[in-house]
Amino acid sequence: MLSGLGDAAGFVCASRIWSEGRFVWVEAAKCLAGFQFGMLMYWVALWKLSEHGIDSAELQTMFWFVVTIIGVALLSGRVFAWAPLDQVVAGAVVMGVFFLMYRGASA
């Protein structure tokens, strides 16, 4: 989860790097820190997943993707302003990825 949250923070900060046509160094530094933290935590996550026999790159990436996309939605705060239909569709997509993760883990 820490990997996905670190990367989510990196993505949120990355969206603010260019503000009014200017490069914002503080946001770039936060972005870099988020991605660096996310990468280090991803390596730890891979170690733990492999201990549980989850060595499929597809399954490992799906774990990361779900946490990252939820993290971006929550950290940006914009998901709460989406139309209810859009929120339902996003929830269905995340549930679809959870389904694929379940099927991949049981295969």
N, C-alpha and C. Protein backbone atom coordinates (compact mmCIF):
# COMPACT_ATOMS: atom_id res chain seq x y z
N MET A 1 0.82 -1.19 0.00
CA MET A 1 0.00 0.00 0.00
C MET A 1 0.86 1.26 0.00
N LEU A 2 2.00 1.21 0.71
CA LEU A 2 2.87 2.38 0.76
C LEU A 2 3.43 2.72 -0.62
N SER A 3 3.69 1.70 -1.41
CA SER A 3 4.20 1.93 -2.76
C SER A 3 3.18 2.71 -3.59
N GLY A 4 1.97 2.24 -3.59
CA GLY A 4 0.93 2.90 -4.36
C GLY A 4 0.64 4.30 -3.86
N LEU A 5 0.66 4.48 -2.54
CA LEU A 5 0.41 5.82 -1.99
C LEU A 5 1.55 6.78 -2.31
N GLY A 6 2.79 6.28 -2.28
CA GLY A 6 3.93 7.12 -2.66
C GLY A 6 3.83 7.55 -4.12
N ASP A 7 3.50 6.60 -4.99
CA ASP A 7 3.35 6.93 -6.40
C ASP A 7 2.14 7.84 -6.63
N ALA A 8 1.07 7.62 -5.89
CA ALA A 8 -0.10 8.49 -6.02
C ALA A 8 0.26 9.92 -5.66
N ALA A 9 1.02 10.09 -4.58
CA ALA A 9 1.47 11.44 -4.19
C ALA A 9 2.34 12.02 -5.30
N GLY A 10 3.19 11.19 -5.90
CA GLY A 10 4.02 11.65 -7.01
C GLY A 10 3.19 12.12 -8.19
N PHE A 11 2.14 11.38 -8.52
CA PHE A 11 1.27 11.76 -9.63
C PHE A 11 0.53 13.06 -9.34
N VAL A 12 0.03 13.19 -8.11
CA VAL A 12 -0.72 14.41 -7.75
C VAL A 12 0.21 15.62 -7.82
N CYS A 13 1.42 15.49 -7.28
CA CYS A 13 2.38 16.60 -7.34
C CYS A 13 2.82 16.88 -8.78
N ALA A 14 2.95 15.83 -9.58
CA ALA A 14 3.35 16.00 -10.98
C ALA A 14 2.34 16.84 -11.74
N SER A 15 1.06 16.72 -11.37
CA SER A 15 0.04 17.50 -12.08
C SER A 15 0.15 18.99 -11.79
N ARG A 16 0.94 19.35 -10.77
CA ARG A 16 1.10 20.76 -10.41
C ARG A 16 2.49 21.31 -10.75
N ILE A 17 3.30 20.52 -11.46
CA ILE A 17 4.66 20.97 -11.79
C ILE A 17 4.64 22.18 -12.71
N TRP A 18 3.74 22.20 -13.67
CA TRP A 18 3.64 23.34 -14.59
C TRP A 18 2.43 24.16 -14.16
N SER A 19 2.69 25.31 -13.56
CA SER A 19 1.62 26.19 -13.11
C SER A 19 1.78 27.54 -13.81
N GLU A 20 0.74 27.92 -14.54
CA GLU A 20 0.73 29.18 -15.29
C GLU A 20 1.96 29.30 -16.20
N GLY A 21 2.34 28.20 -16.83
CA GLY A 21 3.45 28.21 -17.77
C GLY A 21 4.83 28.22 -17.14
N ARG A 22 4.90 28.09 -15.83
CA ARG A 22 6.19 28.10 -15.12
C ARG A 22 6.42 26.76 -14.46
N PHE A 23 7.68 26.37 -14.44
CA PHE A 23 8.08 25.13 -13.79
C PHE A 23 8.18 25.39 -12.28
N VAL A 24 7.45 24.59 -11.49
CA VAL A 24 7.42 24.77 -10.03
C VAL A 24 8.35 23.73 -9.41
N TRP A 25 9.52 24.18 -8.98
CA TRP A 25 10.56 23.28 -8.46
C TRP A 25 10.12 22.56 -7.19
N VAL A 26 9.37 23.22 -6.35
CA VAL A 26 8.92 22.57 -5.10
C VAL A 26 8.03 21.37 -5.41
N GLU A 27 7.11 21.54 -6.34
CA GLU A 27 6.23 20.42 -6.73
C GLU A 27 7.03 19.32 -7.41
N ALA A 28 8.03 19.70 -8.20
CA ALA A 28 8.89 18.71 -8.86
C ALA A 28 9.64 17.89 -7.81
N ALA A 29 10.13 18.55 -6.78
CA ALA A 29 10.86 17.84 -5.71
C ALA A 29 9.92 16.90 -4.95
N LYS A 30 8.70 17.36 -4.68
CA LYS A 30 7.71 16.50 -4.01
C LYS A 30 7.37 15.31 -4.89
N CYS A 31 7.21 15.56 -6.19
CA CYS A 31 6.92 14.50 -7.15
C CYS A 31 8.02 13.45 -7.14
N LEU A 32 9.25 13.91 -7.24
CA LEU A 32 10.39 13.00 -7.24
C LEU A 32 10.45 12.20 -5.95
N ALA A 33 10.23 12.86 -4.82
CA ALA A 33 10.26 12.18 -3.53
C ALA A 33 9.17 11.12 -3.45
N GLY A 34 7.97 11.45 -3.94
CA GLY A 34 6.87 10.48 -3.93
C GLY A 34 7.19 9.25 -4.75
N PHE A 35 7.72 9.47 -5.98
CA PHE A 35 8.06 8.34 -6.84
C PHE A 35 9.22 7.52 -6.29
N GLN A 36 10.22 8.18 -5.70
CA GLN A 36 11.34 7.46 -5.11
C GLN A 36 10.87 6.58 -3.95
N PHE A 37 10.05 7.17 -3.08
CA PHE A 37 9.49 6.40 -1.97
C PHE A 37 8.65 5.24 -2.50
N GLY A 38 7.82 5.53 -3.50
CA GLY A 38 6.98 4.49 -4.08
C GLY A 38 7.80 3.34 -4.65
N MET A 39 8.91 3.66 -5.33
CA MET A 39 9.75 2.61 -5.91
C MET A 39 10.40 1.75 -4.83
N LEU A 40 10.92 2.39 -3.80
CA LEU A 40 11.53 1.62 -2.70
C LEU A 40 10.50 0.71 -2.03
N MET A 41 9.31 1.23 -1.81
CA MET A 41 8.25 0.43 -1.18
C MET A 41 7.76 -0.67 -2.12
N TYR A 42 7.82 -0.41 -3.42
CA TYR A 42 7.42 -1.44 -4.39
C TYR A 42 8.37 -2.63 -4.31
N TRP A 43 9.67 -2.35 -4.19
CA TRP A 43 10.63 -3.44 -4.05
C TRP A 43 10.36 -4.25 -2.79
N VAL A 44 10.02 -3.58 -1.70
CA VAL A 44 9.68 -4.29 -0.45
C VAL A 44 8.40 -5.11 -0.67
N ALA A 45 7.42 -4.51 -1.35
CA ALA A 45 6.16 -5.22 -1.62
C ALA A 45 6.41 -6.47 -2.47
N LEU A 46 7.28 -6.36 -3.47
CA LEU A 46 7.59 -7.52 -4.31
C LEU A 46 8.23 -8.63 -3.49
N TRP A 47 9.08 -8.24 -2.56
CA TRP A 47 9.72 -9.23 -1.68
C TRP A 47 8.64 -9.96 -0.87
N LYS A 48 7.71 -9.22 -0.29
CA LYS A 48 6.65 -9.83 0.51
C LYS A 48 5.69 -10.65 -0.35
N LEU A 49 5.35 -10.14 -1.53
CA LEU A 49 4.46 -10.89 -2.41
C LEU A 49 5.11 -12.20 -2.84
N SER A 50 6.40 -12.16 -3.15
CA SER A 50 7.08 -13.39 -3.58
C SER A 50 7.15 -14.41 -2.45
N GLU A 51 7.20 -13.95 -1.20
CA GLU A 51 7.16 -14.87 -0.06
C GLU A 51 5.84 -15.63 0.00
N HIS A 52 4.78 -15.03 -0.57
CA HIS A 52 3.46 -15.66 -0.60
C HIS A 52 3.19 -16.34 -1.94
N GLY A 53 4.23 -16.49 -2.76
CA GLY A 53 4.10 -17.17 -4.03
C GLY A 53 3.50 -16.34 -5.14
N ILE A 54 3.38 -15.04 -4.95
CA ILE A 54 2.83 -14.16 -5.98
C ILE A 54 4.00 -13.56 -6.74
N ASP A 55 4.39 -14.25 -7.82
CA ASP A 55 5.55 -13.78 -8.58
C ASP A 55 5.20 -13.39 -10.01
N SER A 56 3.92 -13.31 -10.29
CA SER A 56 3.45 -12.89 -11.61
C SER A 56 3.52 -11.37 -11.73
N ALA A 57 4.21 -10.88 -12.75
CA ALA A 57 4.32 -9.43 -12.96
C ALA A 57 2.94 -8.80 -13.14
N GLU A 58 2.04 -9.51 -13.80
CA GLU A 58 0.70 -8.97 -14.02
C GLU A 58 -0.04 -8.78 -12.71
N LEU A 59 0.02 -9.77 -11.85
CA LEU A 59 -0.68 -9.70 -10.58
C LEU A 59 -0.05 -8.66 -9.66
N GLN A 60 1.27 -8.61 -9.63
CA GLN A 60 1.96 -7.61 -8.82
C GLN A 60 1.59 -6.20 -9.26
N THR A 61 1.52 -6.00 -10.57
CA THR A 61 1.19 -4.69 -11.11
C THR A 61 -0.25 -4.32 -10.80
N MET A 62 -1.14 -5.29 -10.83
CA MET A 62 -2.54 -5.00 -10.50
C MET A 62 -2.67 -4.54 -9.05
N PHE A 63 -1.95 -5.18 -8.14
CA PHE A 63 -1.97 -4.72 -6.74
C PHE A 63 -1.56 -3.25 -6.67
N TRP A 64 -0.44 -2.94 -7.33
CA TRP A 64 0.07 -1.57 -7.33
C TRP A 64 -0.93 -0.61 -7.96
N PHE A 65 -1.51 -1.01 -9.09
CA PHE A 65 -2.44 -0.15 -9.82
C PHE A 65 -3.65 0.22 -8.97
N VAL A 66 -4.24 -0.76 -8.31
CA VAL A 66 -5.43 -0.50 -7.51
C VAL A 66 -5.13 0.51 -6.40
N VAL A 67 -4.05 0.29 -5.67
CA VAL A 67 -3.72 1.21 -4.58
C VAL A 67 -3.37 2.59 -5.14
N THR A 68 -2.65 2.63 -6.25
CA THR A 68 -2.25 3.93 -6.82
C THR A 68 -3.45 4.71 -7.32
N ILE A 69 -4.35 4.08 -8.04
CA ILE A 69 -5.49 4.80 -8.60
C ILE A 69 -6.43 5.28 -7.50
N ILE A 70 -6.61 4.47 -6.47
CA ILE A 70 -7.44 4.90 -5.33
C ILE A 70 -6.73 6.03 -4.59
N GLY A 71 -5.41 5.91 -4.44
CA GLY A 71 -4.64 6.96 -3.78
C GLY A 71 -4.71 8.28 -4.51
N VAL A 72 -4.59 8.27 -5.84
CA VAL A 72 -4.69 9.50 -6.63
C VAL A 72 -6.07 10.11 -6.45
N ALA A 73 -7.09 9.29 -6.52
CA ALA A 73 -8.46 9.80 -6.37
C ALA A 73 -8.66 10.45 -5.01
N LEU A 74 -8.16 9.81 -3.97
CA LEU A 74 -8.35 10.36 -2.62
C LEU A 74 -7.46 11.56 -2.33
N LEU A 75 -6.18 11.47 -2.74
CA LEU A 75 -5.25 12.56 -2.46
C LEU A 75 -5.58 13.83 -3.24
N SER A 76 -6.09 13.69 -4.44
CA SER A 76 -6.46 14.88 -5.22
C SER A 76 -7.75 15.49 -4.69
N GLY A 77 -8.61 14.66 -4.12
CA GLY A 77 -9.88 15.13 -3.58
C GLY A 77 -10.94 15.39 -4.62
N ARG A 78 -10.60 15.30 -5.88
CA ARG A 78 -11.55 15.64 -6.94
C ARG A 78 -12.61 14.56 -7.17
N VAL A 79 -12.32 13.34 -6.76
CA VAL A 79 -13.25 12.24 -6.99
C VAL A 79 -14.60 12.52 -6.31
N PHE A 80 -14.57 13.29 -5.23
CA PHE A 80 -15.80 13.58 -4.50
C PHE A 80 -16.68 14.59 -5.25
N ALA A 81 -16.11 15.27 -6.23
CA ALA A 81 -16.87 16.23 -7.04
C ALA A 81 -17.38 15.60 -8.34
N TRP A 82 -17.00 14.35 -8.59
CA TRP A 82 -17.46 13.69 -9.80
C TRP A 82 -18.96 13.46 -9.73
N ALA A 83 -19.57 13.33 -10.90
CA ALA A 83 -20.98 12.97 -10.98
C ALA A 83 -21.15 11.56 -10.40
N PRO A 84 -22.28 11.29 -9.76
CA PRO A 84 -22.50 9.97 -9.16
C PRO A 84 -22.29 8.82 -10.15
N LEU A 85 -22.72 9.00 -11.39
CA LEU A 85 -22.53 7.94 -12.39
C LEU A 85 -21.05 7.66 -12.61
N ASP A 86 -20.24 8.71 -12.68
CA ASP A 86 -18.80 8.54 -12.86
C ASP A 86 -18.18 7.82 -11.67
N GLN A 87 -18.65 8.12 -10.47
CA GLN A 87 -18.15 7.43 -9.28
C GLN A 87 -18.51 5.95 -9.32
N VAL A 88 -19.72 5.65 -9.77
CA VAL A 88 -20.15 4.24 -9.87
C VAL A 88 -19.30 3.50 -10.90
N VAL A 89 -19.06 4.12 -12.06
CA VAL A 89 -18.24 3.49 -13.09
C VAL A 89 -16.82 3.27 -12.59
N ALA A 90 -16.25 4.26 -11.91
CA ALA A 90 -14.91 4.11 -11.36
C ALA A 90 -14.88 2.96 -10.36
N GLY A 91 -15.89 2.88 -9.51
CA GLY A 91 -15.98 1.78 -8.56
C GLY A 91 -16.07 0.43 -9.26
N ALA A 92 -16.84 0.37 -10.34
CA ALA A 92 -16.97 -0.88 -11.11
C ALA A 92 -15.64 -1.28 -11.74
N VAL A 93 -14.89 -0.30 -12.24
CA VAL A 93 -13.59 -0.59 -12.84
C VAL A 93 -12.64 -1.14 -11.78
N VAL A 94 -12.61 -0.52 -10.61
CA VAL A 94 -11.74 -1.00 -9.53
C VAL A 94 -12.18 -2.41 -9.11
N MET A 95 -13.48 -2.64 -9.02
CA MET A 95 -13.96 -3.97 -8.67
C MET A 95 -13.57 -4.99 -9.75
N GLY A 96 -13.58 -4.56 -11.01
CA GLY A 96 -13.14 -5.44 -12.09
C GLY A 96 -11.68 -5.83 -11.95
N VAL A 97 -10.86 -4.86 -11.56
CA VAL A 97 -9.44 -5.17 -11.34
C VAL A 97 -9.29 -6.10 -10.14
N PHE A 98 -10.06 -5.87 -9.08
CA PHE A 98 -10.04 -6.79 -7.93
C PHE A 98 -10.41 -8.20 -8.36
N PHE A 99 -11.43 -8.31 -9.24
CA PHE A 99 -11.84 -9.62 -9.76
C PHE A 99 -10.68 -10.29 -10.49
N LEU A 100 -9.99 -9.53 -11.35
CA LEU A 100 -8.84 -10.09 -12.07
C LEU A 100 -7.73 -10.52 -11.12
N MET A 101 -7.52 -9.72 -10.07
CA MET A 101 -6.50 -10.08 -9.08
C MET A 101 -6.88 -11.38 -8.39
N TYR A 102 -8.13 -11.53 -8.02
CA TYR A 102 -8.60 -12.75 -7.37
C TYR A 102 -8.43 -13.95 -8.28
N ARG A 103 -8.83 -13.78 -9.54
CA ARG A 103 -8.71 -14.89 -10.50
C ARG A 103 -7.26 -15.24 -10.75
N GLY A 104 -6.40 -14.20 -10.82
CA GLY A 104 -4.98 -14.44 -11.05
C GLY A 104 -4.31 -15.14 -9.88
N ALA A 105 -4.74 -14.80 -8.67
CA ALA A 105 -4.15 -15.40 -7.47
C ALA A 105 -4.58 -16.85 -7.32
N SER A 106 -5.77 -17.16 -7.80
CA SER A 106 -6.26 -18.54 -7.64
C SER A 106 -5.84 -19.44 -8.79
N ALA A 107 -5.26 -18.85 -9.84
CA ALA A 107 -4.87 -19.66 -11.02
C ALA A 107 -3.55 -20.37 -10.78
